[in-house]
Amino acid sequence: MSLKNQITEQMKDAMRAKDTVRLGTIRLLLSAIKQREVDERIELTDADVIAVIEKMLKQRRDSIAAFESANRTDLADIEKYEVGVLQTYMPKQLSDDELNQIITQVIADSDAQGAKDMGKVVGLVKPLVAGVADMGKVSSLIKARLA
């Protein structure tokens, strides 16, 4: 079963359970998926759906930071719940050790010397960790390693 079909089934389950907050989040996700399909006139693969989910997760995390800085914990709590719902559709994330291992290997293979090579290293690491690691975290690990 494709990830998109799984999400649709979970929407139906949320409807049956009358879980309105979860249902709203899943509907937002399906809406974003359908919007991208219409815009690009394609049927999204699981990898494309994961990219849509990652984008939504990044938006939610940014919103959480903004709401917490404005002392709006009520809105931040809603966004945190939505992050939890969206993360259920993401593949298992790589551990810090696994990430460091990949970064070390890429740095060694690319002969990266310092901060000037950071873009090259990020470009090589990104396809290896797409969907299974937060790129912000990956970027900061690479920066620390090359500094």
N, C-alpha and C. Protein backbone atom coordinates (compact mmCIF):
# COMPACT_ATOMS: atom_id res chain seq x y z
N MET A 1 0.85 -1.18 0.00
CA MET A 1 0.00 0.00 0.00
C MET A 1 0.89 1.24 0.00
N SER A 2 0.59 2.17 -0.89
CA SER A 2 1.40 3.39 -0.97
C SER A 2 1.17 4.26 0.26
N LEU A 3 2.11 5.15 0.50
CA LEU A 3 2.02 6.04 1.66
C LEU A 3 0.79 6.93 1.56
N LYS A 4 0.49 7.38 0.36
CA LYS A 4 -0.69 8.24 0.15
C LYS A 4 -1.98 7.48 0.52
N ASN A 5 -2.06 6.21 0.13
CA ASN A 5 -3.23 5.40 0.48
C ASN A 5 -3.31 5.16 1.97
N GLN A 6 -2.15 4.97 2.61
CA GLN A 6 -2.11 4.80 4.07
C GLN A 6 -2.67 6.03 4.76
N ILE A 7 -2.26 7.19 4.28
CA ILE A 7 -2.72 8.44 4.88
C ILE A 7 -4.23 8.58 4.71
N THR A 8 -4.73 8.22 3.53
CA THR A 8 -6.18 8.29 3.28
C THR A 8 -6.93 7.35 4.22
N GLU A 9 -6.40 6.15 4.42
CA GLU A 9 -7.04 5.20 5.34
C GLU A 9 -7.03 5.73 6.77
N GLN A 10 -5.93 6.37 7.16
CA GLN A 10 -5.85 6.92 8.51
C GLN A 10 -6.81 8.09 8.69
N MET A 11 -7.07 8.81 7.59
CA MET A 11 -8.06 9.88 7.65
C MET A 11 -9.44 9.29 7.94
N LYS A 12 -9.75 8.18 7.29
CA LYS A 12 -11.03 7.52 7.52
C LYS A 12 -11.13 7.03 8.96
N ASP A 13 -10.03 6.49 9.48
CA ASP A 13 -10.02 6.03 10.88
C ASP A 13 -10.24 7.20 11.84
N ALA A 14 -9.62 8.33 11.55
CA ALA A 14 -9.79 9.51 12.40
C ALA A 14 -11.23 10.01 12.35
N MET A 15 -11.85 9.91 11.18
CA MET A 15 -13.27 10.29 11.05
C MET A 15 -14.14 9.40 11.93
N ARG A 16 -13.90 8.09 11.84
CA ARG A 16 -14.69 7.14 12.62
C ARG A 16 -14.51 7.36 14.12
N ALA A 17 -13.27 7.71 14.51
CA ALA A 17 -12.97 7.92 15.93
C ALA A 17 -13.37 9.31 16.40
N LYS A 18 -13.81 10.16 15.48
CA LYS A 18 -14.19 11.54 15.77
C LYS A 18 -13.04 12.32 16.42
N ASP A 19 -11.82 12.02 15.96
CA ASP A 19 -10.62 12.71 16.43
C ASP A 19 -10.39 13.92 15.52
N THR A 20 -11.01 15.05 15.88
CA THR A 20 -11.04 16.21 14.98
C THR A 20 -9.68 16.85 14.75
N VAL A 21 -8.83 16.89 15.77
CA VAL A 21 -7.53 17.54 15.61
C VAL A 21 -6.66 16.71 14.67
N ARG A 22 -6.63 15.40 14.89
CA ARG A 22 -5.87 14.51 14.02
C ARG A 22 -6.42 14.54 12.59
N LEU A 23 -7.73 14.53 12.49
CA LEU A 23 -8.40 14.57 11.19
C LEU A 23 -8.01 15.84 10.44
N GLY A 24 -8.01 16.97 11.12
CA GLY A 24 -7.64 18.23 10.49
C GLY A 24 -6.22 18.21 9.96
N THR A 25 -5.31 17.64 10.74
CA THR A 25 -3.91 17.56 10.32
C THR A 25 -3.76 16.66 9.10
N ILE A 26 -4.44 15.53 9.11
CA ILE A 26 -4.36 14.61 7.97
C ILE A 26 -4.98 15.24 6.73
N ARG A 27 -6.05 15.96 6.91
CA ARG A 27 -6.67 16.65 5.76
C ARG A 27 -5.73 17.70 5.18
N LEU A 28 -5.03 18.43 6.05
CA LEU A 28 -4.05 19.41 5.57
C LEU A 28 -2.95 18.72 4.76
N LEU A 29 -2.50 17.57 5.24
CA LEU A 29 -1.47 16.82 4.56
C LEU A 29 -1.96 16.35 3.19
N LEU A 30 -3.14 15.76 3.15
CA LEU A 30 -3.69 15.29 1.88
C LEU A 30 -3.91 16.46 0.91
N SER A 31 -4.31 17.59 1.45
CA SER A 31 -4.50 18.78 0.62
C SER A 31 -3.18 19.22 0.00
N ALA A 32 -2.11 19.21 0.80
CA ALA A 32 -0.79 19.60 0.29
C ALA A 32 -0.31 18.62 -0.78
N ILE A 33 -0.58 17.33 -0.57
CA ILE A 33 -0.19 16.31 -1.54
C ILE A 33 -0.95 16.52 -2.85
N LYS A 34 -2.26 16.70 -2.75
CA LYS A 34 -3.08 16.91 -3.95
C LYS A 34 -2.68 18.20 -4.67
N GLN A 35 -2.37 19.25 -3.92
CA GLN A 35 -1.95 20.51 -4.52
C GLN A 35 -0.69 20.33 -5.35
N ARG A 36 0.25 19.59 -4.80
CA ARG A 36 1.50 19.36 -5.54
C ARG A 36 1.25 18.51 -6.78
N GLU A 37 0.36 17.51 -6.66
CA GLU A 37 0.03 16.68 -7.82
C GLU A 37 -0.62 17.51 -8.92
N VAL A 38 -1.50 18.41 -8.55
CA VAL A 38 -2.18 19.26 -9.53
C VAL A 38 -1.18 20.24 -10.15
N ASP A 39 -0.35 20.85 -9.33
CA ASP A 39 0.62 21.82 -9.82
C ASP A 39 1.60 21.19 -10.82
N GLU A 40 2.06 20.00 -10.50
CA GLU A 40 3.08 19.36 -11.34
C GLU A 40 2.49 18.37 -12.34
N ARG A 41 1.19 18.12 -12.26
CA ARG A 41 0.48 17.19 -13.14
C ARG A 41 1.13 15.80 -13.15
N ILE A 42 1.42 15.32 -11.95
CA ILE A 42 2.01 13.99 -11.80
C ILE A 42 1.33 13.27 -10.63
N GLU A 43 1.53 11.96 -10.56
CA GLU A 43 1.13 11.17 -9.40
C GLU A 43 2.36 11.07 -8.50
N LEU A 44 2.24 11.51 -7.26
CA LEU A 44 3.40 11.54 -6.37
C LEU A 44 3.79 10.14 -5.92
N THR A 45 5.10 9.89 -5.90
CA THR A 45 5.62 8.65 -5.36
C THR A 45 5.74 8.79 -3.85
N ASP A 46 6.07 7.71 -3.16
CA ASP A 46 6.25 7.77 -1.72
C ASP A 46 7.35 8.76 -1.34
N ALA A 47 8.42 8.82 -2.13
CA ALA A 47 9.52 9.76 -1.85
C ALA A 47 9.02 11.20 -1.97
N ASP A 48 8.16 11.46 -2.96
CA ASP A 48 7.60 12.81 -3.13
C ASP A 48 6.68 13.17 -1.96
N VAL A 49 5.91 12.19 -1.50
CA VAL A 49 5.01 12.42 -0.37
C VAL A 49 5.82 12.73 0.88
N ILE A 50 6.93 12.01 1.06
CA ILE A 50 7.80 12.27 2.21
C ILE A 50 8.37 13.68 2.13
N ALA A 51 8.70 14.14 0.93
CA ALA A 51 9.21 15.50 0.76
C ALA A 51 8.14 16.52 1.17
N VAL A 52 6.88 16.25 0.83
CA VAL A 52 5.78 17.14 1.22
C VAL A 52 5.66 17.15 2.75
N ILE A 53 5.75 15.97 3.36
CA ILE A 53 5.65 15.88 4.82
C ILE A 53 6.80 16.62 5.48
N GLU A 54 8.02 16.48 4.94
CA GLU A 54 9.17 17.19 5.50
C GLU A 54 8.95 18.70 5.46
N LYS A 55 8.41 19.18 4.35
CA LYS A 55 8.15 20.61 4.22
C LYS A 55 7.14 21.06 5.27
N MET A 56 6.09 20.26 5.48
CA MET A 56 5.09 20.61 6.48
C MET A 56 5.68 20.57 7.88
N LEU A 57 6.54 19.58 8.15
CA LEU A 57 7.19 19.50 9.46
C LEU A 57 8.05 20.72 9.72
N LYS A 58 8.79 21.17 8.70
CA LYS A 58 9.63 22.36 8.85
C LYS A 58 8.76 23.58 9.14
N GLN A 59 7.64 23.70 8.44
CA GLN A 59 6.73 24.83 8.69
C GLN A 59 6.22 24.79 10.13
N ARG A 60 5.86 23.61 10.60
CA ARG A 60 5.34 23.48 11.97
C ARG A 60 6.40 23.84 12.99
N ARG A 61 7.63 23.38 12.77
CA ARG A 61 8.71 23.68 13.72
C ARG A 61 8.99 25.18 13.77
N ASP A 62 8.96 25.81 12.61
CA ASP A 62 9.15 27.27 12.57
C ASP A 62 8.03 27.97 13.32
N SER A 63 6.81 27.49 13.14
CA SER A 63 5.65 28.09 13.82
C SER A 63 5.77 27.91 15.33
N ILE A 64 6.21 26.74 15.76
CA ILE A 64 6.37 26.47 17.19
C ILE A 64 7.35 27.48 17.80
N ALA A 65 8.48 27.69 17.11
CA ALA A 65 9.48 28.64 17.62
C ALA A 65 8.88 30.05 17.70
N ALA A 66 8.13 30.44 16.68
CA ALA A 66 7.53 31.78 16.68
C ALA A 66 6.48 31.91 17.79
N PHE A 67 5.65 30.90 17.95
CA PHE A 67 4.61 30.96 18.97
C PHE A 67 5.21 30.97 20.37
N GLU A 68 6.26 30.19 20.59
CA GLU A 68 6.88 30.15 21.91
C GLU A 68 7.58 31.47 22.23
N SER A 69 8.17 32.10 21.22
CA SER A 69 8.82 33.39 21.48
C SER A 69 7.78 34.48 21.77
N ALA A 70 6.55 34.27 21.29
CA ALA A 70 5.48 35.24 21.55
C ALA A 70 4.62 34.82 22.75
N ASN A 71 5.09 33.83 23.50
CA ASN A 71 4.37 33.31 24.67
C ASN A 71 2.95 32.83 24.34
N ARG A 72 2.77 32.21 23.19
CA ARG A 72 1.48 31.65 22.80
C ARG A 72 1.58 30.12 22.89
N THR A 73 1.66 29.61 24.12
CA THR A 73 1.83 28.18 24.31
C THR A 73 0.63 27.38 23.82
N ASP A 74 -0.56 27.99 23.82
CA ASP A 74 -1.74 27.29 23.33
C ASP A 74 -1.59 26.93 21.85
N LEU A 75 -1.13 27.88 21.06
CA LEU A 75 -0.93 27.63 19.64
C LEU A 75 0.28 26.71 19.40
N ALA A 76 1.31 26.87 20.21
CA ALA A 76 2.50 26.02 20.08
C ALA A 76 2.14 24.56 20.38
N ASP A 77 1.26 24.34 21.35
CA ASP A 77 0.84 22.97 21.68
C ASP A 77 0.11 22.31 20.52
N ILE A 78 -0.73 23.08 19.83
CA ILE A 78 -1.45 22.55 18.67
C ILE A 78 -0.46 22.16 17.58
N GLU A 79 0.51 23.02 17.33
CA GLU A 79 1.53 22.74 16.31
C GLU A 79 2.36 21.52 16.69
N LYS A 80 2.68 21.37 17.98
CA LYS A 80 3.45 20.21 18.43
C LYS A 80 2.67 18.92 18.20
N TYR A 81 1.36 18.97 18.43
CA TYR A 81 0.53 17.79 18.18
C TYR A 81 0.55 17.45 16.69
N GLU A 82 0.46 18.47 15.85
CA GLU A 82 0.49 18.25 14.40
C GLU A 82 1.83 17.66 13.97
N VAL A 83 2.92 18.11 14.58
CA VAL A 83 4.23 17.54 14.29
C VAL A 83 4.23 16.05 14.62
N GLY A 84 3.65 15.69 15.77
CA GLY A 84 3.57 14.28 16.17
C GLY A 84 2.78 13.45 15.17
N VAL A 85 1.68 14.00 14.68
CA VAL A 85 0.87 13.28 13.69
C VAL A 85 1.65 13.11 12.39
N LEU A 86 2.29 14.17 11.93
CA LEU A 86 3.03 14.10 10.67
C LEU A 86 4.23 13.17 10.75
N GLN A 87 4.87 13.12 11.92
CA GLN A 87 6.05 12.26 12.06
C GLN A 87 5.71 10.78 11.99
N THR A 88 4.46 10.42 12.22
CA THR A 88 4.09 9.00 12.12
C THR A 88 4.22 8.49 10.70
N TYR A 89 4.21 9.38 9.72
CA TYR A 89 4.31 8.97 8.32
C TYR A 89 5.74 9.00 7.79
N MET A 90 6.65 9.49 8.59
CA MET A 90 8.05 9.57 8.17
C MET A 90 8.76 8.25 8.46
N PRO A 91 9.74 7.90 7.61
CA PRO A 91 10.54 6.71 7.91
C PRO A 91 11.37 6.93 9.16
N LYS A 92 11.87 5.84 9.73
CA LYS A 92 12.69 5.91 10.94
C LYS A 92 13.89 6.81 10.67
N GLN A 93 14.14 7.75 11.58
CA GLN A 93 15.24 8.69 11.44
C GLN A 93 16.57 8.03 11.81
N LEU A 94 17.63 8.48 11.15
CA LEU A 94 18.97 7.97 11.45
C LEU A 94 19.43 8.47 12.82
N SER A 95 20.19 7.64 13.51
CA SER A 95 20.75 8.06 14.80
C SER A 95 21.93 9.00 14.54
N ASP A 96 22.37 9.67 15.59
CA ASP A 96 23.52 10.58 15.46
C ASP A 96 24.77 9.82 15.02
N ASP A 97 24.95 8.61 15.54
CA ASP A 97 26.11 7.81 15.16
C ASP A 97 26.08 7.48 13.67
N GLU A 98 24.91 7.06 13.18
CA GLU A 98 24.79 6.73 11.75
C GLU A 98 25.03 7.96 10.88
N LEU A 99 24.50 9.10 11.32
CA LEU A 99 24.71 10.35 10.58
C LEU A 99 26.19 10.71 10.54
N ASN A 100 26.85 10.64 11.70
CA ASN A 100 28.27 10.96 11.76
C ASN A 100 29.10 10.03 10.88
N GLN A 101 28.70 8.78 10.83
CA GLN A 101 29.41 7.80 10.00
C GLN A 101 29.29 8.18 8.52
N ILE A 102 28.08 8.54 8.08
CA ILE A 102 27.86 8.94 6.69
C ILE A 102 28.65 10.20 6.37
N ILE A 103 28.60 11.19 7.28
CA ILE A 103 29.30 12.45 7.07
C ILE A 103 30.80 12.23 6.98
N THR A 104 31.34 11.41 7.88
CA THR A 104 32.77 11.11 7.88
C THR A 104 33.18 10.46 6.56
N GLN A 105 32.38 9.52 6.08
CA GLN A 105 32.67 8.83 4.83
C GLN A 105 32.67 9.80 3.65
N VAL A 106 31.66 10.66 3.60
CA VAL A 106 31.56 11.62 2.48
C VAL A 106 32.71 12.62 2.52
N ILE A 107 33.07 13.08 3.71
CA ILE A 107 34.20 14.03 3.83
C ILE A 107 35.48 13.36 3.34
N ALA A 108 35.67 12.12 3.73
CA ALA A 108 36.87 11.40 3.31
C ALA A 108 36.87 11.17 1.79
N ASP A 109 35.74 10.79 1.23
CA ASP A 109 35.64 10.52 -0.21
C ASP A 109 35.80 11.77 -1.05
N SER A 110 35.34 12.91 -0.53
CA SER A 110 35.37 14.14 -1.32
C SER A 110 36.61 14.99 -1.04
N ASP A 111 37.46 14.57 -0.12
CA ASP A 111 38.66 15.31 0.26
C ASP A 111 38.34 16.74 0.68
N ALA A 112 37.25 16.91 1.41
CA ALA A 112 36.86 18.24 1.89
C ALA A 112 37.85 18.70 2.95
N GLN A 113 38.29 19.95 2.84
CA GLN A 113 39.32 20.46 3.73
C GLN A 113 38.82 21.40 4.81
N GLY A 114 37.83 22.20 4.51
CA GLY A 114 37.39 23.17 5.50
C GLY A 114 36.01 23.69 5.18
N ALA A 115 35.67 24.81 5.79
CA ALA A 115 34.33 25.38 5.66
C ALA A 115 34.00 25.73 4.21
N LYS A 116 35.01 25.99 3.38
CA LYS A 116 34.75 26.34 1.99
C LYS A 116 34.17 25.16 1.21
N ASP A 117 34.38 23.96 1.69
CA ASP A 117 33.87 22.76 1.02
C ASP A 117 32.53 22.29 1.58
N MET A 118 31.95 23.08 2.48
CA MET A 118 30.70 22.66 3.13
C MET A 118 29.58 22.40 2.13
N GLY A 119 29.42 23.28 1.15
CA GLY A 119 28.36 23.12 0.15
C GLY A 119 28.50 21.83 -0.62
N LYS A 120 29.73 21.50 -0.97
CA LYS A 120 29.99 20.27 -1.71
C LYS A 120 29.62 19.05 -0.86
N VAL A 121 30.00 19.07 0.42
CA VAL A 121 29.71 17.95 1.32
C VAL A 121 28.21 17.81 1.54
N VAL A 122 27.52 18.94 1.78
CA VAL A 122 26.07 18.90 1.98
C VAL A 122 25.39 18.34 0.74
N GLY A 123 25.85 18.76 -0.44
CA GLY A 123 25.29 18.27 -1.69
C GLY A 123 25.46 16.77 -1.86
N LEU A 124 26.56 16.23 -1.37
CA LEU A 124 26.80 14.79 -1.47
C LEU A 124 26.05 14.00 -0.40
N VAL A 125 25.88 14.60 0.78
CA VAL A 125 25.21 13.91 1.89
C VAL A 125 23.69 13.91 1.70
N LYS A 126 23.15 14.99 1.17
CA LYS A 126 21.70 15.16 1.07
C LYS A 126 20.98 13.97 0.42
N PRO A 127 21.43 13.47 -0.74
CA PRO A 127 20.71 12.33 -1.33
C PRO A 127 20.80 11.06 -0.48
N LEU A 128 21.84 10.95 0.32
CA LEU A 128 22.02 9.75 1.15
C LEU A 128 21.09 9.74 2.37
N VAL A 129 20.71 10.93 2.84
CA VAL A 129 19.91 11.00 4.07
C VAL A 129 18.53 11.60 3.86
N ALA A 130 18.14 11.81 2.59
CA ALA A 130 16.84 12.43 2.30
C ALA A 130 15.71 11.62 2.92
N GLY A 131 14.90 12.28 3.71
CA GLY A 131 13.75 11.63 4.32
C GLY A 131 14.04 10.92 5.63
N VAL A 132 15.30 10.68 5.94
CA VAL A 132 15.62 9.95 7.16
C VAL A 132 16.46 10.77 8.14
N ALA A 133 16.67 12.05 7.81
CA ALA A 133 17.41 12.93 8.72
C ALA A 133 16.99 14.37 8.46
N ASP A 134 17.00 15.17 9.52
CA ASP A 134 16.70 16.58 9.42
C ASP A 134 17.91 17.29 8.82
N MET A 135 17.71 17.95 7.68
CA MET A 135 18.84 18.58 6.99
C MET A 135 19.47 19.71 7.81
N GLY A 136 18.70 20.36 8.66
CA GLY A 136 19.27 21.39 9.53
C GLY A 136 20.29 20.78 10.48
N LYS A 137 19.93 19.64 11.02
CA LYS A 137 20.83 18.94 11.93
C LYS A 137 22.06 18.44 11.16
N VAL A 138 21.84 17.89 9.97
CA VAL A 138 22.94 17.40 9.14
C VAL A 138 23.91 18.54 8.82
N SER A 139 23.35 19.68 8.45
CA SER A 139 24.16 20.83 8.10
C SER A 139 25.02 21.29 9.27
N SER A 140 24.42 21.33 10.46
CA SER A 140 25.19 21.76 11.63
C SER A 140 26.28 20.75 11.99
N LEU A 141 26.02 19.46 11.80
CA LEU A 141 27.04 18.44 12.06
C LEU A 141 28.21 18.59 11.08
N ILE A 142 27.88 18.84 9.80
CA ILE A 142 28.92 19.02 8.80
C ILE A 142 29.75 20.26 9.10
N LYS A 143 29.06 21.34 9.47
CA LYS A 143 29.74 22.60 9.77
C LYS A 143 30.70 22.41 10.94
N ALA A 144 30.25 21.70 11.98
CA ALA A 144 31.11 21.45 13.14
C ALA A 144 32.33 20.60 12.74
N ARG A 145 32.12 19.64 11.86
CA ARG A 145 33.20 18.76 11.45
C ARG A 145 34.22 19.47 10.59
N LEU A 146 33.75 20.40 9.74
CA LEU A 146 34.67 21.07 8.83
C LEU A 146 35.29 22.34 9.39
N ALA A 147 34.78 22.82 10.51
CA ALA A 147 35.28 24.08 11.08
C ALA A 147 36.67 23.91 11.67
